[in-house]
Amino acid sequence: MGDSKTVHSPLLTYFSMLSLLSLCPPFVILLWYTMVHADGSVLQTWGYLRENGLQGFVNIWPKPTAIAWKMIFCYGAFEAALQLLLPGKRVEGPISPAGNIPVYKANGMAAYGVTLITYIGLWWFGIFNPSIVYDHLGEIYSALVVGSFIFCIFLYIKGHIAPSSADSGSCGNLIIDFYWGMELYPRIGKNFDIKVFTNCRFGMMSWAVLPLTYCIKQYETYGEVADSMLVSTALTLIYVTKFFWWEAGYWNTMDIAHDRAGFYICWGCLVWVPSIYTSPGMYLVNHPVNLGAKLAVYILVAGILCIYINYDCDRQRQEFRRTSGKCLVWGKAPSKIVASYTTEKGETKTSLLLTSGWWGLARHFHYVPEISAAFFWTVPALFSHFLPYFYVIFLIILLFDRAKRDDDRCKSKYGKYWKLYCEKVPYRVIPGIY
């Protein structure tokens, strides 16, 4: 969503927003409880709730504690300091609907390295034991649920009284404004970009820190780390490393360049990513699976291949854009469409649409290896329980919905050129199927 004109939604979407606002927080706590205290069994949790009713749910919900708030604050402050203080290359984002060009400091890879070295170093030298994070995980998630909701209220108020740029505005509906957000590029001062912090430095960084936590907890509990945990964690870290290596490219994606900073993006990155995205490792802590060397290697290699293809898709498009199409794609000159469009200010601009390479297979083919990679870092849990695969199912729904939203946005933006593009690349996500 790039401007306030696009946030008007049908009644069904409105009620979907209300459902997500009300159901997401309880689900985060129920998933944690099921993984940690109910042996990963949805039926066991359901039986407890059916027997004890609302009081059972109240008993499950952990109260935020001082130590939970302290760990969240220290982590958030550390990541914010790295975002501000570490040196990085100046990078410009895509021009916004209002004609603004956001400027970023690309220091994500440095922040990622410093974070992991610091975290492991604190454990190695006995200064801080990451097992404490796992032991207080429910309290941390409960605090994040509350704290992130308050943070989204702050973003809503800020969007009304002190927007950072012209890429902001209200659609006139409080629920939709709160859910989708008021601002496209909210900042505190000139240099602290809020979405870079929530999406990249808090959310994505936690996706690396928590799997390491789970490894350490399993090691301290069982005296070893199972090969299933090693494979799952290795693939997750490779994927997150790929993300930070490519972080400047992420700033051109729908999350940053089109979706505003509201509950959908910010609460999701502050709460949903640390809890749901890391849930396969959370399950494996108390369910060490011995895959055997051969199966472990097969899963690891297949996962790495998927992550590489996902990376190469993004790299191919980024190189195509950087060179204005004057590059080779799979050893050949790229096939492309020169599409013109009109900005809100009435200016005529042009974009190049790549129709060869990975992007000739499907308009959003890069989602296929991303979903496949998620499956491979989850499958070490095997199939005793359904819940570890919730993230994979959620990711399929998220990315297929994102593909449709991006298609709708591009259709509105490019008109006849998008129709021509769809004729050359007829499949949306899966070549030959969809």
Protein backbone atom coordinates (compact mmCIF):
# COMPACT_ATOMS: atom_id res chain seq x y z
CA MET A 1 0.00 0.00 0.00
CA GLY A 2 1.62 3.20 -1.12
CA ASP A 3 -1.01 5.90 -0.65
CA SER A 4 -4.14 6.57 1.38
CA LYS A 5 -6.35 5.92 -1.62
CA THR A 6 -5.53 2.24 -1.55
CA VAL A 7 -6.55 1.51 2.03
CA HIS A 8 -10.34 1.55 1.53
CA SER A 9 -11.38 -2.06 1.97
CA PRO A 10 -14.59 -4.06 1.61
CA LEU A 11 -16.49 -5.11 4.74
CA LEU A 12 -14.95 -8.60 4.67
CA THR A 13 -11.44 -7.16 4.81
CA TYR A 14 -12.49 -4.86 7.66
CA PHE A 15 -13.70 -7.77 9.75
CA SER A 16 -10.57 -9.74 8.82
CA MET A 17 -8.51 -6.91 10.33
CA LEU A 18 -10.57 -7.03 13.53
CA SER A 19 -10.09 -10.80 13.68
CA LEU A 20 -6.31 -10.52 13.31
CA LEU A 21 -6.14 -7.75 15.92
CA SER A 22 -8.01 -9.93 18.41
CA LEU A 23 -6.76 -13.45 17.57
CA CYS A 24 -3.04 -12.98 16.86
CA PRO A 25 -1.95 -12.16 20.45
CA PRO A 26 -3.71 -15.19 22.03
CA PHE A 27 -2.37 -17.48 19.31
CA VAL A 28 1.23 -16.46 20.03
CA ILE A 29 0.79 -17.46 23.69
CA LEU A 30 -1.05 -20.69 22.83
CA LEU A 31 1.69 -21.70 20.40
CA TRP A 32 4.38 -21.08 23.03
CA TYR A 33 2.43 -23.02 25.68
CA THR A 34 1.81 -25.95 23.33
CA MET A 35 5.44 -26.15 22.21
CA VAL A 36 6.96 -25.80 25.69
CA HIS A 37 4.39 -27.21 28.11
CA ALA A 38 2.06 -29.48 26.10
CA ASP A 39 4.60 -31.66 24.29
CA GLY A 40 3.84 -29.88 21.00
CA SER A 41 0.35 -31.42 20.95
CA VAL A 42 -2.52 -29.22 19.81
CA LEU A 43 -4.97 -31.85 21.10
CA GLN A 44 -3.45 -31.70 24.58
CA THR A 45 -3.81 -27.91 24.69
CA TRP A 46 -7.33 -28.10 23.30
CA GLY A 47 -8.28 -30.70 25.93
CA TYR A 48 -6.98 -28.46 28.71
CA LEU A 49 -8.88 -25.44 27.43
CA ARG A 50 -12.08 -27.42 26.89
CA GLU A 51 -11.89 -28.73 30.44
CA ASN A 52 -11.00 -25.43 32.12
CA GLY A 53 -12.66 -22.90 29.81
CA LEU A 54 -11.72 -19.23 29.99
CA GLN A 55 -9.98 -19.69 33.32
CA GLY A 56 -7.71 -22.25 31.68
CA PHE A 57 -6.65 -19.67 29.10
CA VAL A 58 -6.04 -17.12 31.87
CA ASN A 59 -3.87 -19.69 33.66
CA ILE A 60 -1.87 -20.34 30.47
CA TRP A 61 -1.17 -16.67 29.76
CA PRO A 62 2.13 -15.73 31.47
CA LYS A 63 2.41 -12.37 33.15
CA PRO A 64 5.12 -10.02 31.82
CA THR A 65 7.90 -9.87 34.39
CA ALA A 66 10.65 -7.37 35.15
CA ILE A 67 13.32 -9.72 33.80
CA ALA A 68 11.36 -10.13 30.55
CA TRP A 69 11.05 -6.36 30.10
CA LYS A 70 14.73 -5.95 30.95
CA MET A 71 15.85 -8.46 28.30
CA ILE A 72 13.59 -6.90 25.65
CA PHE A 73 14.82 -3.40 26.47
CA CYS A 74 18.49 -4.38 26.43
CA TYR A 75 18.10 -6.23 23.13
CA GLY A 76 16.11 -3.43 21.50
CA ALA A 77 18.46 -0.70 22.74
CA PHE A 78 21.50 -2.66 21.55
CA GLU A 79 20.04 -3.12 18.05
CA ALA A 80 18.95 0.53 17.87
CA ALA A 81 22.47 1.63 18.83
CA LEU A 82 24.02 -0.58 16.15
CA GLN A 83 21.57 0.79 13.58
CA LEU A 84 22.55 4.36 14.41
CA LEU A 85 26.27 4.04 15.18
CA LEU A 86 27.75 1.42 12.87
CA PRO A 87 29.10 2.83 9.59
CA GLY A 88 27.41 1.87 6.34
CA LYS A 89 27.03 2.76 2.70
CA ARG A 90 24.44 5.38 1.76
CA VAL A 91 21.59 3.70 -0.15
CA GLU A 92 18.57 5.30 -1.79
CA GLY A 93 15.24 3.50 -1.79
CA PRO A 94 12.68 3.60 -4.62
CA ILE A 95 10.82 6.83 -5.28
CA SER A 96 7.62 6.93 -3.26
CA PRO A 97 4.08 7.73 -4.53
CA ALA A 98 4.53 11.26 -3.15
CA GLY A 99 7.85 11.66 -4.94
CA ASN A 100 10.13 11.15 -1.96
CA ILE A 101 13.35 9.12 -2.14
CA PRO A 102 14.15 7.55 1.25
CA VAL A 103 17.82 7.34 2.22
CA TYR A 104 19.24 4.49 4.33
CA LYS A 105 22.53 3.49 5.91
CA ALA A 106 23.32 -0.07 4.86
CA ASN A 107 24.99 -1.52 7.94
CA GLY A 108 22.78 -4.55 8.48
CA MET A 109 25.48 -7.15 7.81
CA ALA A 110 27.80 -5.47 10.31
CA ALA A 111 25.00 -5.29 12.90
CA TYR A 112 24.24 -8.98 12.29
CA GLY A 113 27.86 -10.00 12.83
CA VAL A 114 28.25 -7.87 15.95
CA THR A 115 24.99 -9.22 17.38
CA LEU A 116 25.87 -12.90 16.95
CA ILE A 117 29.46 -12.50 18.15
CA THR A 118 28.29 -10.53 21.20
CA TYR A 119 25.51 -13.02 22.05
CA ILE A 120 27.73 -16.09 21.75
CA GLY A 121 30.58 -14.27 23.51
CA LEU A 122 28.37 -13.40 26.49
CA TRP A 123 27.49 -17.09 26.83
CA TRP A 124 31.01 -18.40 26.19
CA PHE A 125 32.58 -16.19 28.86
CA GLY A 126 29.79 -16.84 31.37
CA ILE A 127 28.48 -13.28 31.43
CA PHE A 128 24.93 -14.13 30.30
CA ASN A 129 23.28 -17.51 29.79
CA PRO A 130 20.89 -17.53 26.80
CA SER A 131 18.96 -20.38 28.45
CA ILE A 132 17.42 -17.66 30.63
CA VAL A 133 15.74 -16.31 27.49
CA TYR A 134 14.14 -19.70 26.82
CA ASP A 135 13.14 -20.11 30.47
CA HIS A 136 11.31 -16.76 30.36
CA LEU A 137 10.11 -17.05 26.76
CA GLY A 138 6.42 -16.97 27.62
CA GLU A 139 6.87 -13.85 29.72
CA ILE A 140 8.89 -12.25 26.91
CA TYR A 141 6.17 -12.98 24.33
CA SER A 142 3.51 -11.68 26.71
CA ALA A 143 5.48 -8.46 27.21
CA LEU A 144 6.04 -8.13 23.45
CA VAL A 145 2.31 -8.57 22.79
CA VAL A 146 1.49 -5.68 25.13
CA GLY A 147 4.48 -3.47 24.40
CA SER A 148 4.23 -3.78 20.62
CA PHE A 149 0.51 -2.95 20.72
CA ILE A 150 1.34 0.23 22.62
CA PHE A 151 4.10 0.96 20.09
CA CYS A 152 1.56 0.68 17.24
CA ILE A 153 -0.69 3.16 19.06
CA PHE A 154 2.32 5.51 19.18
CA LEU A 155 2.78 5.10 15.41
CA TYR A 156 -0.92 5.87 14.85
CA ILE A 157 -0.73 9.06 16.93
CA LYS A 158 2.58 10.09 15.35
CA GLY A 159 1.09 9.65 11.88
CA HIS A 160 -1.67 12.10 12.80
CA ILE A 161 0.32 14.78 14.57
CA ALA A 162 3.94 14.50 13.37
CA PRO A 163 4.32 12.57 10.09
CA SER A 164 7.88 12.24 8.81
CA SER A 165 7.04 12.81 5.15
CA ALA A 166 4.25 13.48 2.68
CA ASP A 167 3.81 9.70 2.30
CA SER A 168 1.23 9.58 5.06
CA GLY A 169 -2.44 10.16 5.64
CA SER A 170 -5.68 8.75 6.96
CA CYS A 171 -8.40 6.88 5.09
CA GLY A 172 -10.92 8.08 7.69
CA ASN A 173 -11.35 4.74 9.44
CA LEU A 174 -9.57 4.29 12.78
CA ILE A 175 -9.31 0.47 12.57
CA ILE A 176 -7.91 0.48 9.04
CA ASP A 177 -5.51 3.32 9.84
CA PHE A 178 -4.26 1.44 12.90
CA TYR A 179 -3.97 -1.88 11.06
CA TRP A 180 -2.32 -0.69 7.81
CA GLY A 181 -0.55 2.32 9.32
CA MET A 182 -0.50 6.06 8.82
CA GLU A 183 3.04 6.54 7.46
CA LEU A 184 5.04 4.84 4.75
CA TYR A 185 8.44 5.98 6.05
CA PRO A 186 8.14 6.94 9.75
CA ARG A 187 11.35 8.14 11.36
CA ILE A 188 12.49 9.44 14.71
CA GLY A 189 14.63 12.43 13.89
CA LYS A 190 16.33 12.32 10.50
CA ASN A 191 18.33 9.12 10.83
CA PHE A 192 16.38 6.50 12.78
CA ASP A 193 14.08 4.67 10.38
CA ILE A 194 11.36 2.90 12.36
CA LYS A 195 10.51 0.21 9.79
CA VAL A 196 14.17 -0.73 9.33
CA PHE A 197 14.33 -1.20 13.11
CA THR A 198 11.12 -3.20 13.50
CA ASN A 199 11.47 -5.32 10.35
CA CYS A 200 15.23 -5.82 10.10
CA ARG A 201 17.01 -5.11 13.35
CA PHE A 202 14.43 -6.38 15.86
CA GLY A 203 12.38 -8.94 13.92
CA MET A 204 14.90 -10.49 11.52
CA MET A 205 17.74 -10.34 14.06
CA SER A 206 15.60 -12.24 16.58
CA TRP A 207 15.13 -14.91 13.91
CA ALA A 208 18.87 -15.62 14.26
CA VAL A 209 19.28 -15.03 18.01
CA LEU A 210 16.42 -17.29 19.16
CA PRO A 211 17.49 -20.44 17.21
CA LEU A 212 20.93 -20.06 18.82
CA THR A 213 19.16 -19.80 22.16
CA TYR A 214 17.29 -23.03 21.46
CA CYS A 215 20.54 -24.81 20.57
CA ILE A 216 22.17 -23.69 23.81
CA LYS A 217 19.12 -24.70 25.86
CA GLN A 218 19.05 -28.16 24.28
CA TYR A 219 22.77 -28.56 24.90
CA GLU A 220 22.42 -27.62 28.55
CA THR A 221 19.41 -29.92 28.97
CA TYR A 222 20.66 -33.03 27.18
CA GLY A 223 24.42 -32.53 27.05
CA GLU A 224 24.42 -32.38 23.25
CA VAL A 225 22.72 -30.72 20.29
CA ALA A 226 20.76 -33.14 18.10
CA ASP A 227 21.52 -33.20 14.38
CA SER A 228 17.92 -32.16 13.73
CA MET A 229 18.45 -28.97 15.73
CA LEU A 230 21.80 -28.35 14.03
CA VAL A 231 20.31 -28.69 10.52
CA SER A 232 17.28 -26.51 11.33
CA THR A 233 19.44 -23.82 12.96
CA ALA A 234 22.09 -23.90 10.23
CA LEU A 235 19.50 -23.39 7.48
CA THR A 236 17.81 -20.62 9.44
CA LEU A 237 21.10 -18.79 9.99
CA ILE A 238 22.08 -19.19 6.32
CA TYR A 239 18.73 -17.70 5.31
CA VAL A 240 19.00 -14.79 7.76
CA THR A 241 22.62 -14.18 6.69
CA LYS A 242 21.38 -14.03 3.10
CA PHE A 243 18.76 -11.50 4.19
CA PHE A 244 21.27 -9.13 5.80
CA TRP A 245 23.71 -9.54 2.92
CA TRP A 246 20.86 -8.42 0.65
CA GLU A 247 19.23 -5.96 3.10
CA ALA A 248 19.49 -2.97 0.76
CA GLY A 249 17.48 -4.96 -1.79
CA TYR A 250 14.81 -5.63 0.85
CA TRP A 251 14.24 -1.89 1.09
CA ASN A 252 12.81 -2.06 -2.45
CA THR A 253 10.23 -4.72 -1.58
CA MET A 254 6.55 -4.39 -0.74
CA ASP A 255 7.19 -4.54 3.04
CA ILE A 256 9.19 -1.32 3.02
CA ALA A 257 8.29 0.52 -0.20
CA HIS A 258 4.51 -0.05 -0.21
CA ASP A 259 3.18 -1.32 3.14
CA ARG A 260 2.78 1.35 5.78
CA ALA A 261 4.00 1.12 9.37
CA GLY A 262 1.01 -0.18 11.28
CA PHE A 263 -0.11 -3.25 13.19
CA TYR A 264 0.17 -5.48 10.12
CA ILE A 265 3.88 -4.87 9.56
CA CYS A 266 5.27 -3.55 12.85
CA TRP A 267 3.42 -5.71 15.37
CA GLY A 268 4.05 -8.64 13.05
CA CYS A 269 7.80 -8.06 13.02
CA LEU A 270 8.05 -7.31 16.73
CA VAL A 271 5.93 -10.27 17.92
CA TRP A 272 4.91 -12.66 15.13
CA VAL A 273 8.42 -13.11 13.69
CA PRO A 274 10.17 -13.89 17.02
CA SER A 275 7.44 -16.36 18.02
CA ILE A 276 5.97 -17.99 14.90
CA TYR A 277 8.98 -17.86 12.58
CA THR A 278 11.25 -19.47 15.17
CA SER A 279 8.72 -22.09 16.29
CA PRO A 280 10.36 -25.14 14.61
CA GLY A 281 13.45 -24.63 16.79
CA MET A 282 11.28 -23.96 19.84
CA TYR A 283 9.66 -27.37 19.31
CA LEU A 284 12.98 -29.16 18.81
CA VAL A 285 14.36 -28.02 22.19
CA ASN A 286 12.35 -30.68 24.03
CA HIS A 287 12.01 -33.05 21.07
CA PRO A 288 15.54 -33.90 19.95
CA VAL A 289 15.29 -35.98 16.76
CA ASN A 290 18.18 -38.10 15.51
CA LEU A 291 18.10 -37.85 11.72
CA GLY A 292 21.31 -39.71 10.99
CA ALA A 293 24.17 -38.31 8.94
CA LYS A 294 22.77 -39.19 5.51
CA LEU A 295 19.28 -37.71 6.00
CA ALA A 296 20.69 -34.66 7.79
CA VAL A 297 23.03 -33.92 4.86
CA TYR A 298 20.23 -34.40 2.30
CA ILE A 299 17.99 -31.94 4.13
CA LEU A 300 20.84 -29.47 4.62
CA VAL A 301 21.90 -29.53 0.96
CA ALA A 302 18.30 -29.23 -0.30
CA GLY A 303 17.66 -26.29 2.04
CA ILE A 304 20.86 -24.50 1.00
CA LEU A 305 19.93 -24.96 -2.67
CA CYS A 306 16.51 -23.40 -2.07
CA ILE A 307 18.04 -20.47 -0.18
CA TYR A 308 20.54 -19.93 -3.00
CA ILE A 309 17.81 -19.93 -5.67
CA ASN A 310 15.79 -17.47 -3.59
CA TYR A 311 18.89 -15.26 -3.30
CA ASP A 312 19.71 -15.57 -7.00
CA CYS A 313 16.17 -14.51 -7.94
CA ASP A 314 16.54 -11.30 -5.96
CA ARG A 315 20.12 -10.77 -7.15
CA GLN A 316 19.05 -11.18 -10.78
CA ARG A 317 16.32 -8.57 -10.52
CA GLN A 318 18.50 -6.20 -8.50
CA GLU A 319 21.32 -6.39 -11.09
CA PHE A 320 18.78 -5.87 -13.88
CA ARG A 321 17.50 -2.72 -12.18
CA ARG A 322 20.96 -1.43 -11.26
CA THR A 323 22.19 -1.65 -14.87
CA SER A 324 18.90 -0.50 -16.43
CA GLY A 325 18.67 -3.84 -18.22
CA LYS A 326 22.23 -3.72 -19.60
CA CYS A 327 23.35 -7.03 -18.12
CA LEU A 328 23.24 -10.75 -18.83
CA VAL A 329 20.51 -12.99 -17.48
CA TRP A 330 21.39 -16.67 -17.68
CA GLY A 331 24.08 -15.76 -20.21
CA LYS A 332 21.79 -13.78 -22.51
CA ALA A 333 20.55 -10.22 -22.92
CA PRO A 334 17.43 -9.93 -20.74
CA SER A 335 13.93 -9.86 -22.17
CA LYS A 336 12.06 -6.85 -20.82
CA ILE A 337 9.10 -4.52 -21.13
CA VAL A 338 9.53 -0.74 -20.86
CA ALA A 339 6.49 0.38 -18.86
CA SER A 340 5.47 3.97 -18.27
CA TYR A 341 3.30 5.22 -15.40
CA THR A 342 2.11 8.49 -13.91
CA THR A 343 2.92 9.60 -10.34
CA GLU A 344 0.52 11.36 -7.96
CA LYS A 345 2.10 14.65 -9.05
CA GLY A 346 1.28 13.93 -12.70
CA GLU A 347 4.87 13.16 -13.72
CA THR A 348 5.49 10.42 -16.29
CA LYS A 349 8.06 7.83 -15.26
CA THR A 350 9.29 4.55 -16.76
CA SER A 351 10.14 1.19 -15.25
CA LEU A 352 11.72 -1.92 -16.73
CA LEU A 353 9.89 -5.21 -16.20
CA LEU A 354 12.12 -8.29 -16.44
CA THR A 355 10.55 -11.18 -18.37
CA SER A 356 13.41 -13.68 -18.56
CA GLY A 357 15.55 -15.73 -16.17
CA TRP A 358 13.82 -16.69 -12.94
CA TRP A 359 11.37 -13.86 -13.58
CA GLY A 360 10.29 -15.44 -16.86
CA LEU A 361 9.12 -18.58 -15.04
CA ALA A 362 6.52 -16.78 -12.91
CA ARG A 363 5.88 -13.21 -11.78
CA HIS A 364 6.70 -14.16 -8.16
CA PHE A 365 8.73 -17.32 -8.64
CA HIS A 366 11.11 -16.32 -5.81
CA TYR A 367 8.37 -17.30 -3.34
CA VAL A 368 8.67 -20.97 -4.38
CA PRO A 369 12.25 -21.49 -3.09
CA GLU A 370 11.47 -19.35 -0.03
CA ILE A 371 8.57 -21.63 0.95
CA SER A 372 10.66 -24.70 0.12
CA ALA A 373 13.52 -23.47 2.33
CA ALA A 374 11.07 -22.99 5.23
CA PHE A 375 9.93 -26.59 4.77
CA PHE A 376 13.49 -27.90 4.89
CA TRP A 377 14.38 -26.13 8.15
CA THR A 378 11.11 -27.42 9.64
CA VAL A 379 11.21 -31.03 8.40
CA PRO A 380 13.98 -32.03 10.88
CA ALA A 381 11.12 -32.07 13.43
CA LEU A 382 9.63 -34.93 11.35
CA PHE A 383 5.89 -35.53 11.56
CA SER A 384 4.92 -36.49 15.11
CA HIS A 385 3.03 -33.21 15.51
CA PHE A 386 1.40 -30.73 13.18
CA LEU A 387 2.27 -27.49 14.99
CA PRO A 388 5.94 -27.14 13.87
CA TYR A 389 4.60 -26.80 10.31
CA PHE A 390 2.28 -23.91 11.14
CA TYR A 391 4.93 -21.43 10.00
CA VAL A 392 5.21 -23.10 6.58
CA ILE A 393 1.43 -23.00 6.13
CA PHE A 394 1.29 -19.39 7.30
CA LEU A 395 4.12 -18.47 4.90
CA ILE A 396 2.26 -20.00 1.94
CA ILE A 397 -0.85 -17.95 2.77
CA LEU A 398 1.20 -14.78 3.38
CA LEU A 399 3.22 -14.97 0.17
CA PHE A 400 0.34 -15.97 -2.08
CA ASP A 401 -1.68 -13.05 -0.68
CA ARG A 402 1.33 -10.77 -1.15
CA ALA A 403 1.68 -11.94 -4.76
CA LYS A 404 -1.95 -11.05 -5.43
CA ARG A 405 -1.66 -7.65 -3.73
CA ASP A 406 1.50 -6.86 -5.69
CA ASP A 407 -0.19 -7.89 -8.95
CA ASP A 408 -3.18 -5.68 -8.16
CA ARG A 409 -0.90 -2.75 -7.34
CA CYS A 410 1.13 -3.20 -10.54
CA LYS A 411 -2.02 -3.56 -12.63
CA SER A 412 -3.25 -0.24 -11.28
CA LYS A 413 0.17 1.38 -11.74
CA TYR A 414 1.17 0.12 -15.20
CA GLY A 415 -2.19 -0.53 -16.89
CA LYS A 416 -1.74 -1.89 -20.42
CA TYR A 417 1.94 -2.61 -19.84
CA TRP A 418 1.07 -4.93 -16.96
CA LYS A 419 -1.39 -6.74 -19.18
CA LEU A 420 1.38 -7.24 -21.72
CA TYR A 421 3.70 -8.44 -18.96
CA CYS A 422 1.12 -10.99 -17.78
CA GLU A 423 0.79 -12.27 -21.34
CA LYS A 424 4.57 -12.86 -21.49
CA VAL A 425 4.73 -14.28 -17.94
CA PRO A 426 1.30 -15.87 -17.41
CA TYR A 427 1.87 -17.63 -14.07
CA ARG A 428 1.75 -15.73 -10.80
CA VAL A 429 3.83 -17.98 -8.49
CA ILE A 430 4.14 -21.62 -9.58
CA PRO A 431 5.13 -22.18 -13.25
CA GLY A 432 2.55 -24.19 -15.12
CA ILE A 433 0.11 -24.28 -12.18
CA TYR A 434 -0.69 -20.86 -10.70
